[in-house]
Amino acid sequence: MKLGRLREILWQEAGDRHSVLWLFVVNDVLGLFIFPARIRTQLLRLFIPGIHPRAIIRAHVLFKSKNVTIGPGCVISYRVMFDTRDGITLGNNVSVGADARFLTSDHDVSDPTKRSGKGFGSPITIGDGSRIAVGSTILPGVTIGNGVVVGACSLVRADLDEHTLYAGVPAKEIRKLPTE
């Protein structure tokens, strides 16, 4: 095997924008429980400048790149996954429950001989004051308005209106929420 190919395999995996070393430090080292959440957040800011200093990020959060913006007052719980290939923006005071997933990329499925075809993606935007409950999945291109609550284990595949509770697979409107 040629040295260049070996270095490519060891240094950067296919499809990842960052080196294996960057991913290891951000996700494995800084994701450990040995760091208090406030210290972890400040250390992550060295690698991901879009994280606001007043955000809180719990252990074992997975970042695929630094293409994420997390506003002040946000709380990101344990084992959340940010597939940040196409950008994710969380507004102010957003709360994300454990095991939530933000997926900005997918694959073209039109080729019958290869259903995992060429990759594509769209950014995700979460409005101020929203809550994404435990185990929920947000798919590519979704915009969630301000003050939205997404119920536990919901699948969000379309834009959500402000100040509304959504739940289910796929997420459906349950009721409007107070605005004051």
Protein backbone atom coordinates (compact mmCIF):
# COMPACT_ATOMS: atom_id res chain seq x y z
CA MET A 1 0.00 0.00 0.00
CA LYS A 2 1.34 3.42 -0.90
CA LEU A 3 2.30 5.78 1.93
CA GLY A 4 -0.11 8.49 0.67
CA ARG A 5 -3.07 6.10 0.75
CA LEU A 6 -2.12 4.85 4.23
CA ARG A 7 -1.85 8.42 5.51
CA GLU A 8 -5.27 9.22 3.98
CA ILE A 9 -6.86 6.23 5.72
CA LEU A 10 -5.28 7.07 9.08
CA TRP A 11 -5.69 10.84 8.86
CA GLN A 12 -9.14 11.39 7.34
CA GLU A 13 -12.04 9.03 6.81
CA ALA A 14 -14.07 9.23 3.61
CA GLY A 15 -16.70 11.94 3.76
CA ASP A 16 -15.37 13.59 6.92
CA ARG A 17 -14.16 17.18 6.69
CA HIS A 18 -11.91 16.84 9.72
CA SER A 19 -9.03 14.59 10.56
CA VAL A 20 -9.36 11.47 12.66
CA LEU A 21 -7.28 13.30 15.28
CA TRP A 22 -9.76 16.25 15.39
CA LEU A 23 -12.71 13.86 15.69
CA PHE A 24 -10.90 11.90 18.43
CA VAL A 25 -10.12 14.97 20.55
CA VAL A 26 -13.56 16.61 20.13
CA ASN A 27 -15.73 13.51 20.46
CA ASP A 28 -13.73 11.01 22.51
CA VAL A 29 -11.46 13.02 24.79
CA LEU A 30 -13.60 16.11 25.44
CA GLY A 31 -16.74 13.96 25.51
CA LEU A 32 -15.61 12.10 28.62
CA PHE A 33 -17.44 12.41 31.93
CA ILE A 34 -14.20 13.55 33.63
CA PHE A 35 -14.85 17.10 32.41
CA PRO A 36 -17.58 19.12 34.12
CA ALA A 37 -20.09 20.40 31.54
CA ARG A 38 -19.03 24.06 31.79
CA ILE A 39 -15.35 23.19 31.33
CA ARG A 40 -16.16 20.78 28.47
CA THR A 41 -18.09 23.54 26.71
CA GLN A 42 -15.19 26.00 26.96
CA LEU A 43 -12.71 23.38 25.71
CA LEU A 44 -15.01 22.47 22.79
CA ARG A 45 -15.09 26.17 21.83
CA LEU A 46 -11.38 25.88 20.98
CA PHE A 47 -12.33 23.45 18.20
CA ILE A 48 -15.89 24.62 17.41
CA PRO A 49 -16.02 28.44 17.54
CA GLY A 50 -19.80 28.55 16.94
CA ILE A 51 -20.54 27.34 20.48
CA HIS A 52 -21.56 30.25 22.70
CA PRO A 53 -19.67 30.49 26.04
CA ARG A 54 -22.98 30.40 27.96
CA ALA A 55 -24.12 27.11 26.39
CA ILE A 56 -23.86 23.81 28.27
CA ILE A 57 -22.83 20.59 26.55
CA ARG A 58 -23.06 17.30 28.45
CA ALA A 59 -20.87 14.21 27.92
CA HIS A 60 -20.69 12.04 24.80
CA VAL A 61 -22.10 14.59 22.34
CA LEU A 62 -20.93 13.73 18.81
CA PHE A 63 -19.87 16.42 16.33
CA LYS A 64 -19.01 15.46 12.71
CA SER A 65 -17.48 18.92 12.06
CA LYS A 66 -17.34 22.45 13.42
CA ASN A 67 -20.21 23.53 11.14
CA VAL A 68 -22.57 24.16 14.07
CA THR A 69 -23.80 27.26 15.90
CA ILE A 70 -25.14 26.86 19.44
CA GLY A 71 -26.60 30.00 21.01
CA PRO A 72 -26.44 31.29 24.60
CA GLY A 73 -28.48 29.45 27.19
CA CYS A 74 -28.65 26.23 25.16
CA VAL A 75 -28.39 22.94 27.03
CA ILE A 76 -27.32 19.88 25.03
CA SER A 77 -27.87 16.63 26.92
CA TYR A 78 -25.98 13.33 26.76
CA ARG A 79 -25.23 11.39 23.56
CA VAL A 80 -26.71 13.93 21.14
CA MET A 81 -25.45 13.53 17.55
CA PHE A 82 -24.80 16.52 15.29
CA ASP A 83 -24.24 15.36 11.69
CA THR A 84 -22.95 18.80 10.78
CA ARG A 85 -21.96 18.27 7.18
CA ASP A 86 -24.39 20.96 6.02
CA GLY A 87 -24.68 23.15 9.10
CA ILE A 88 -26.87 23.26 12.17
CA THR A 89 -27.99 26.43 13.96
CA LEU A 90 -29.56 26.38 17.42
CA GLY A 91 -30.97 29.71 18.59
CA ASN A 92 -30.94 31.04 22.14
CA ASN A 93 -32.15 28.93 25.09
CA VAL A 94 -32.71 25.75 23.08
CA SER A 95 -32.92 22.54 25.12
CA VAL A 96 -31.97 19.22 23.51
CA GLY A 97 -32.76 15.95 25.30
CA ALA A 98 -30.50 12.89 25.48
CA ASP A 99 -30.01 10.74 22.39
CA ALA A 100 -31.46 13.32 19.97
CA ARG A 101 -30.10 13.30 16.42
CA PHE A 102 -29.66 16.16 13.95
CA LEU A 103 -29.05 14.74 10.46
CA THR A 104 -28.12 17.21 7.73
CA SER A 105 -27.16 14.68 5.07
CA ASP A 106 -28.74 11.80 3.17
CA HIS A 107 -28.18 9.80 -0.02
CA ASP A 108 -29.84 9.70 -3.43
CA VAL A 109 -31.92 6.51 -3.66
CA SER A 110 -32.95 6.73 -7.34
CA ASP A 111 -30.36 4.27 -8.70
CA PRO A 112 -31.85 0.75 -8.43
CA THR A 113 -28.37 -0.79 -8.39
CA LYS A 114 -27.09 1.44 -5.57
CA ARG A 115 -29.74 2.85 -3.22
CA SER A 116 -27.06 4.61 -1.19
CA GLY A 117 -26.08 6.92 -4.03
CA LYS A 118 -24.46 10.34 -4.08
CA GLY A 119 -24.75 12.22 -0.79
CA PHE A 120 -26.56 15.51 -0.41
CA GLY A 121 -27.58 17.70 2.48
CA SER A 122 -29.50 20.67 3.78
CA PRO A 123 -28.98 22.76 6.92
CA ILE A 124 -31.12 22.54 10.06
CA THR A 125 -32.29 25.61 12.02
CA ILE A 126 -33.86 25.51 15.50
CA GLY A 127 -35.58 28.68 16.76
CA ASP A 128 -35.11 30.42 20.12
CA GLY A 129 -36.62 28.79 23.20
CA SER A 130 -37.42 25.48 21.52
CA ARG A 131 -37.16 22.07 23.12
CA ILE A 132 -36.18 18.88 21.32
CA ALA A 133 -37.08 15.99 23.66
CA VAL A 134 -35.19 12.77 24.29
CA GLY A 135 -34.61 10.45 21.34
CA SER A 136 -36.00 12.76 18.66
CA THR A 137 -34.57 12.91 15.14
CA ILE A 138 -34.45 16.06 13.00
CA LEU A 139 -33.97 15.37 9.27
CA PRO A 140 -32.13 17.49 6.63
CA GLY A 141 -33.50 20.90 5.67
CA VAL A 142 -35.87 21.28 8.62
CA THR A 143 -36.55 24.69 10.18
CA ILE A 144 -38.16 24.66 13.61
CA GLY A 145 -39.77 27.92 14.73
CA ASN A 146 -39.33 29.74 18.04
CA GLY A 147 -40.86 28.17 21.15
CA VAL A 148 -41.58 24.76 19.61
CA VAL A 149 -41.66 21.58 21.69
CA VAL A 150 -40.85 18.32 19.90
CA GLY A 151 -42.10 15.34 21.94
CA ALA A 152 -39.97 12.35 22.91
CA CYS A 153 -38.84 10.00 20.13
CA SER A 154 -40.42 12.11 17.38
CA LEU A 155 -39.27 12.18 13.76
CA VAL A 156 -39.23 15.70 12.30
CA ARG A 157 -39.13 15.70 8.51
CA ALA A 158 -40.84 19.03 7.71
CA ASP A 159 -40.73 22.61 9.01
CA LEU A 160 -42.56 23.27 12.31
CA ASP A 161 -44.58 26.42 13.15
CA GLU A 162 -43.75 28.61 16.16
CA HIS A 163 -45.12 27.98 19.67
CA THR A 164 -46.60 24.57 18.93
CA LEU A 165 -46.22 21.09 20.45
CA TYR A 166 -45.42 18.34 17.95
CA ALA A 167 -45.01 14.60 18.57
CA GLY A 168 -45.01 11.29 16.76
CA VAL A 169 -43.50 9.52 13.78
CA PRO A 170 -43.69 11.60 11.70
CA ALA A 171 -44.15 14.56 14.06
CA LYS A 172 -47.66 16.02 13.92
CA GLU A 173 -49.16 19.08 15.57
CA ILE A 174 -50.66 18.25 18.96
CA ARG A 175 -51.64 21.73 20.14
CA LYS A 176 -50.68 25.40 20.15
CA LEU A 177 -48.59 26.65 23.09
CA PRO A 178 -48.99 29.93 24.97
CA THR A 179 -46.89 32.82 23.68
CA GLU A 180 -46.80 34.81 26.92
